[in-house]
């Protein structure tokens, strides 16, 4: 860890030596071959880029005292963004108070988003311009799966919400993710959670059907338990003691939710596109965790 903090690490040779020392110190109990493969992959990328050694080294690990801690801070903040899928449920369960179906705007009752030909039209007896303005006024801001699948119009799903399903999965996941992290490693638990959770997030939007949607959101909840419970322990053990307070100062759930909402906004009112954007953003979390070594405190106890 301290090899990375030395500001003299600025060329390819020292960068590879630093990573090799990390592999020997922290990863030798897991799989030494993983460290060698990682080092060889960096060698190949550096050769492919064809840039001077100091510049190439800085592209992967900029020089400076804080560079390792910055990676840990970024990892923890991005883990919070991924875990903010708990807040994304607000968008998934959104149902507007008024729905317009083929120009017939009616009040939505009991959050059942479906046409009601016998209900009074809220935009009736007006000119075409006024009617168009009225329909635009009642247009939804976000098209959610609750609207697409008409979840609250199905008897079974009236009593089982999307949020309850995912929260139940998080509760179940919290019962065993801690044991897995203590048994097999903090980093390995996070990698498993992200490698499984990101595809689940994508598949929840790919498959068409309310049952498949509920199933993949449940599986996603199991992985969120891993990032929520293990993320803090891993990052707190990885960051240097003198910068540990910054981990709680500069990173927050608020920032994670802002990132999640930003990528949701890029989805242009479509819950499927929003899910794809959030999954793509979570790949950066996976990349950083894959770059960092195992927690030295966990390795020492093992």
Protein backbone atom coordinates (compact mmCIF):
# COMPACT_ATOMS: atom_id res chain seq x y z
CA UNK A 1 0.00 0.00 0.00
CA UNK A 2 2.80 2.37 0.93
CA UNK A 3 4.57 1.70 -2.35
CA UNK A 4 1.68 3.42 -4.11
CA UNK A 5 2.04 6.49 -1.87
CA UNK A 6 5.65 7.11 -2.87
CA UNK A 7 5.66 10.07 -5.25
CA UNK A 8 8.71 8.64 -7.02
CA UNK A 9 6.52 5.98 -8.69
CA UNK A 10 6.36 7.61 -12.09
CA UNK A 11 7.61 5.13 -14.64
CA UNK A 12 6.42 1.80 -15.86
CA UNK A 13 9.03 -0.25 -14.02
CA UNK A 14 8.21 1.23 -10.62
CA UNK A 15 4.49 1.06 -11.29
CA UNK A 16 4.73 -2.66 -12.04
CA UNK A 17 6.92 -3.18 -8.96
CA UNK A 18 4.38 -1.35 -6.79
CA UNK A 19 1.50 -3.45 -8.08
CA UNK A 20 3.57 -6.61 -7.64
CA UNK A 21 4.29 -5.66 -4.02
CA UNK A 22 0.56 -5.17 -3.46
CA UNK A 23 -0.13 -8.58 -4.94
CA UNK A 24 2.49 -10.27 -2.75
CA UNK A 25 1.44 -8.45 0.42
CA UNK A 26 -2.32 -8.58 0.11
CA UNK A 27 -3.43 -11.12 -2.46
CA UNK A 28 -1.07 -14.05 -1.97
CA UNK A 29 -3.58 -16.00 0.12
CA UNK A 30 -6.27 -15.76 -2.57
CA UNK A 31 -4.64 -16.44 -5.94
CA UNK A 32 -1.11 -15.25 -6.77
CA UNK A 33 -1.88 -15.91 -10.42
CA UNK A 34 -4.46 -13.10 -10.41
CA UNK A 35 -1.78 -10.57 -9.56
CA UNK A 36 0.50 -11.80 -12.34
CA UNK A 37 -2.28 -11.71 -14.92
CA UNK A 38 -3.18 -8.17 -13.85
CA UNK A 39 0.45 -7.03 -14.11
CA UNK A 40 0.87 -8.61 -17.54
CA UNK A 41 -2.34 -6.98 -18.77
CA UNK A 42 -1.02 -3.56 -17.71
CA UNK A 43 2.23 -4.26 -19.56
CA UNK A 44 0.33 -5.05 -22.75
CA UNK A 45 -1.85 -1.94 -22.51
CA UNK A 46 1.15 0.32 -21.91
CA UNK A 47 2.95 -1.12 -24.93
CA UNK A 48 -0.17 -0.75 -27.08
CA UNK A 49 -0.59 2.93 -26.21
CA UNK A 50 2.97 3.71 -27.28
CA UNK A 51 3.36 6.72 -24.95
CA UNK A 52 6.34 7.67 -22.74
CA UNK A 53 6.66 5.67 -19.57
CA UNK A 54 6.04 8.49 -17.04
CA UNK A 55 2.93 9.66 -18.86
CA UNK A 56 1.64 6.11 -19.22
CA UNK A 57 2.13 5.47 -15.51
CA UNK A 58 0.20 8.60 -14.59
CA UNK A 59 -2.67 7.54 -16.84
CA UNK A 60 -3.23 4.54 -14.58
CA UNK A 61 -2.08 5.88 -11.21
CA UNK A 62 -1.32 9.63 -10.97
CA UNK A 63 1.55 10.56 -8.67
CA UNK A 64 0.78 12.13 -5.31
CA UNK A 65 0.28 11.26 -1.66
CA UNK A 66 -3.49 10.89 -1.87
CA UNK A 67 -3.86 8.81 -5.01
CA UNK A 68 -4.64 5.46 -3.33
CA UNK A 69 -7.02 7.09 -0.86
CA UNK A 70 -8.76 8.95 -3.69
CA UNK A 71 -9.48 5.62 -5.38
CA UNK A 72 -10.97 4.32 -2.14
CA UNK A 73 -13.11 7.47 -1.74
CA UNK A 74 -14.33 7.13 -5.32
CA UNK A 75 -15.09 3.45 -4.79
CA UNK A 76 -17.16 4.12 -1.67
CA UNK A 77 -19.09 6.96 -3.30
CA UNK A 78 -19.87 4.83 -6.36
CA UNK A 79 -20.92 1.95 -4.13
CA UNK A 80 -23.41 4.32 -2.54
CA UNK A 81 -24.65 5.25 -6.01
CA UNK A 82 -25.23 1.58 -6.79
CA UNK A 83 -26.94 1.03 -3.43
CA UNK A 84 -29.22 3.98 -4.24
CA UNK A 85 -31.24 1.54 -6.33
CA UNK A 86 -33.19 1.42 -3.09
CA UNK A 87 -34.23 5.01 -3.83
CA UNK A 88 -34.76 4.28 -7.52
CA UNK A 89 -37.85 2.39 -6.38
CA UNK A 90 -39.60 5.75 -6.06
CA UNK A 91 -39.39 6.10 -9.84
CA UNK A 92 -40.34 2.48 -10.47
CA UNK A 93 -43.54 2.81 -8.43
CA UNK A 94 -44.53 6.21 -9.84
CA UNK A 95 -48.13 6.51 -11.01
CA UNK A 96 -49.53 9.92 -12.06
CA UNK A 97 -52.80 11.13 -10.51
CA UNK A 98 -54.28 11.61 -14.00
CA UNK A 99 -53.82 9.42 -17.05
CA UNK A 100 -54.60 10.27 -20.67
CA UNK A 101 -55.51 7.35 -22.95
CA UNK A 102 -56.14 8.22 -26.62
CA UNK A 103 -56.98 11.78 -25.64
CA UNK A 104 -59.33 10.72 -22.83
CA UNK A 105 -57.92 12.01 -19.52
CA UNK A 106 -59.26 10.43 -16.33
CA UNK A 107 -58.34 10.35 -12.67
CA UNK A 108 -56.32 7.30 -11.66
CA UNK A 109 -57.97 5.37 -8.86
CA UNK A 110 -56.01 3.20 -6.44
CA UNK A 111 -52.91 3.68 -8.61
CA UNK A 112 -54.41 1.39 -11.27
CA UNK A 113 -53.12 2.94 -14.50
CA UNK A 114 -55.67 1.82 -17.11
CA UNK A 115 -58.31 3.44 -19.35
CA UNK A 116 -61.76 4.14 -17.94
CA UNK A 117 -64.21 4.92 -20.78
CA UNK A 118 -67.06 5.50 -18.34
CA UNK A 119 -65.10 8.01 -16.23
CA UNK A 120 -65.53 11.74 -16.93
CA UNK A 121 -63.01 13.29 -19.32
CA UNK A 122 -61.03 16.02 -17.56
CA UNK A 123 -60.29 17.73 -20.89
CA UNK A 124 -63.78 17.77 -22.43
CA UNK A 125 -65.79 20.57 -24.06
CA UNK A 126 -62.82 22.70 -25.04
CA UNK A 127 -61.26 23.93 -28.26
CA UNK A 128 -58.56 21.82 -29.88
CA UNK A 129 -55.82 24.16 -28.68
CA UNK A 130 -57.12 24.13 -25.12
CA UNK A 131 -57.62 20.39 -25.25
CA UNK A 132 -54.05 19.82 -26.44
CA UNK A 133 -52.79 22.09 -23.66
CA UNK A 134 -54.90 20.18 -21.14
CA UNK A 135 -53.55 16.81 -22.31
CA UNK A 136 -50.00 18.16 -22.19
CA UNK A 137 -50.62 19.40 -18.65
CA UNK A 138 -51.62 15.92 -17.51
CA UNK A 139 -48.85 14.15 -19.41
CA UNK A 140 -46.68 11.93 -17.21
CA UNK A 141 -43.12 12.94 -16.36
CA UNK A 142 -41.75 9.41 -16.08
CA UNK A 143 -43.02 6.17 -17.60
CA UNK A 144 -42.62 3.58 -14.87
CA UNK A 145 -43.07 -0.22 -14.84
CA UNK A 146 -46.07 0.30 -12.57
CA UNK A 147 -47.68 2.13 -15.48
CA UNK A 148 -46.43 -0.19 -18.23
CA UNK A 149 -47.41 -3.42 -16.49
CA UNK A 150 -50.44 -1.88 -14.71
CA UNK A 151 -49.19 -3.56 -11.55
CA UNK A 152 -51.88 -2.20 -9.26
CA UNK A 153 -54.59 -3.49 -11.58
CA UNK A 154 -53.53 -7.12 -10.93
CA UNK A 155 -55.04 -8.63 -7.79
CA UNK A 156 -51.89 -10.40 -6.55
CA UNK A 157 -49.58 -7.41 -7.00
CA UNK A 158 -51.98 -5.02 -5.30
CA UNK A 159 -50.73 -6.34 -1.96
CA UNK A 160 -47.09 -6.94 -2.99
CA UNK A 161 -45.26 -3.81 -4.12
CA UNK A 162 -41.97 -3.57 -5.97
CA UNK A 163 -40.39 -1.86 -2.97
CA UNK A 164 -41.48 -4.59 -0.55
CA UNK A 165 -40.01 -7.26 -2.82
CA UNK A 166 -36.62 -5.57 -3.10
CA UNK A 167 -36.44 -4.58 0.58
CA UNK A 168 -37.20 -8.18 1.53
CA UNK A 169 -34.29 -9.31 -0.64
CA UNK A 170 -31.96 -6.80 1.04
CA UNK A 171 -33.09 -8.06 4.45
CA UNK A 172 -32.40 -11.67 3.45
CA UNK A 173 -29.06 -10.75 1.89
CA UNK A 174 -27.89 -9.01 5.05
CA UNK A 175 -28.19 -12.33 6.87
CA UNK A 176 -25.31 -13.93 4.96
CA UNK A 177 -23.20 -11.30 3.13
CA UNK A 178 -21.27 -10.51 6.30
CA UNK A 179 -20.34 -14.15 6.77
CA UNK A 180 -19.24 -14.46 3.13
CA UNK A 181 -17.13 -11.30 3.43
CA UNK A 182 -15.43 -12.57 6.60
CA UNK A 183 -14.89 -16.01 5.12
CA UNK A 184 -13.76 -15.20 1.58
CA UNK A 185 -12.77 -11.53 1.66
CA UNK A 186 -14.32 -8.05 1.51
CA UNK A 187 -13.18 -7.37 -2.03
CA UNK A 188 -14.34 -10.73 -3.31
CA UNK A 189 -17.80 -10.19 -1.80
CA UNK A 190 -18.07 -6.79 -3.48
CA UNK A 191 -16.94 -8.21 -6.82
CA UNK A 192 -19.53 -10.99 -6.58
CA UNK A 193 -22.26 -8.49 -5.69
CA UNK A 194 -21.43 -6.15 -8.57
CA UNK A 195 -20.76 -8.87 -11.16
CA UNK A 196 -24.17 -10.37 -10.37
CA UNK A 197 -26.11 -7.20 -9.60
CA UNK A 198 -25.31 -5.20 -12.74
CA UNK A 199 -26.64 -7.95 -15.07
CA UNK A 200 -29.72 -8.30 -12.84
CA UNK A 201 -30.34 -4.56 -13.20
CA UNK A 202 -30.09 -4.83 -16.98
CA UNK A 203 -32.22 -7.97 -17.20
CA UNK A 204 -34.98 -6.37 -15.13
CA UNK A 205 -35.40 -3.92 -18.01
CA UNK A 206 -34.72 -6.35 -20.87
CA UNK A 207 -37.32 -8.99 -20.04
CA UNK A 208 -40.93 -8.04 -20.67
CA UNK A 209 -43.34 -9.16 -17.98
CA UNK A 210 -44.26 -8.23 -14.44
CA UNK A 211 -43.10 -11.55 -12.94
CA UNK A 212 -39.64 -11.31 -14.55
CA UNK A 213 -39.39 -7.71 -13.39
CA UNK A 214 -40.18 -8.63 -9.78
CA UNK A 215 -37.80 -11.60 -9.93
CA UNK A 216 -34.79 -9.61 -11.14
CA UNK A 217 -35.46 -6.74 -8.74
CA UNK A 218 -35.51 -9.32 -5.93
CA UNK A 219 -32.17 -10.75 -7.08
CA UNK A 220 -30.82 -7.21 -7.39
CA UNK A 221 -31.82 -6.59 -3.78
CA UNK A 222 -29.64 -9.51 -2.65
CA UNK A 223 -26.60 -7.88 -4.27
CA UNK A 224 -27.43 -4.45 -2.85
CA UNK A 225 -27.17 -6.02 0.60
CA UNK A 226 -23.57 -6.89 -0.26
CA UNK A 227 -22.59 -3.37 -1.32
CA UNK A 228 -24.37 -1.73 1.61
CA UNK A 229 -23.04 -4.02 4.34
CA UNK A 230 -19.54 -4.73 3.03
CA UNK A 231 -18.77 -1.49 1.16
CA UNK A 232 -18.15 0.58 4.27
CA UNK A 233 -16.09 -2.12 6.01
CA UNK A 234 -13.87 -2.62 2.96
CA UNK A 235 -13.28 1.08 2.26
CA UNK A 236 -12.72 1.93 5.93
CA UNK A 237 -10.07 -0.79 6.15
CA UNK A 238 -8.43 0.23 2.87
CA UNK A 239 -8.09 3.98 3.43
CA UNK A 240 -5.20 5.28 5.53
CA UNK A 241 -6.10 6.13 9.16
CA UNK A 242 -5.29 9.83 8.78
CA UNK A 243 -7.73 10.11 5.87
CA UNK A 244 -10.45 7.88 7.28
CA UNK A 245 -12.48 10.84 8.51
CA UNK A 246 -12.61 12.17 4.94
CA UNK A 247 -14.36 8.95 3.94
CA UNK A 248 -17.36 10.06 5.99
CA UNK A 249 -16.99 13.77 5.20
CA UNK A 250 -16.75 13.89 1.41
CA UNK A 251 -18.82 10.82 0.58
CA UNK A 252 -22.52 10.57 1.41
CA UNK A 253 -25.77 8.94 0.43
CA UNK A 254 -26.88 12.33 -0.85
CA UNK A 255 -24.13 12.37 -3.46
CA UNK A 256 -24.93 8.79 -4.42
CA UNK A 257 -28.60 9.61 -4.89
CA UNK A 258 -27.76 12.70 -6.93
CA UNK A 259 -25.66 10.54 -9.26
CA UNK A 260 -28.47 7.99 -9.52
CA UNK A 261 -31.05 10.70 -10.28
CA UNK A 262 -28.73 12.24 -12.87
CA UNK A 263 -28.45 8.97 -14.79
CA UNK A 264 -32.19 8.45 -14.40
CA UNK A 265 -32.79 11.89 -15.91
CA UNK A 266 -30.63 10.88 -18.89
CA UNK A 267 -33.10 8.06 -19.48
CA UNK A 268 -35.54 10.59 -20.97
CA UNK A 269 -38.56 9.56 -18.87
CA UNK A 270 -38.15 5.84 -19.71
CA UNK A 271 -37.55 3.45 -16.83
CA UNK A 272 -35.81 0.98 -19.14
CA UNK A 273 -33.28 3.53 -20.42
CA UNK A 274 -32.80 4.79 -16.86
CA UNK A 275 -31.99 1.24 -15.75
CA UNK A 276 -29.48 0.83 -18.57
CA UNK A 277 -27.74 4.12 -17.73
CA UNK A 278 -27.53 3.24 -14.03
CA UNK A 279 -26.11 -0.18 -14.91
CA UNK A 280 -23.52 1.38 -17.23
CA UNK A 281 -22.50 3.85 -14.52
CA UNK A 282 -22.10 0.99 -12.04
CA UNK A 283 -19.44 -0.55 -14.29
CA UNK A 284 -17.08 2.19 -13.10
CA UNK A 285 -17.62 0.94 -9.54
CA UNK A 286 -16.72 -2.57 -10.62
CA UNK A 287 -13.59 -1.32 -12.42
CA UNK A 288 -12.25 0.49 -9.34
CA UNK A 289 -12.93 -2.42 -6.97
CA UNK A 290 -11.24 -4.78 -9.43
CA UNK A 291 -8.18 -2.48 -9.48
CA UNK A 292 -7.87 -2.25 -5.68
CA UNK A 293 -6.34 -5.10 -3.63
CA UNK A 294 -7.96 -7.06 -0.82
CA UNK A 295 -8.31 -5.40 2.57
CA UNK A 296 -4.95 -5.70 4.40
CA UNK A 297 -6.73 -6.06 7.75
CA UNK A 298 -8.72 -9.04 6.47
CA UNK A 299 -5.57 -10.63 5.01
CA UNK A 300 -3.73 -10.14 8.30
CA UNK A 301 -6.49 -11.89 10.24
CA UNK A 302 -6.43 -14.77 7.77
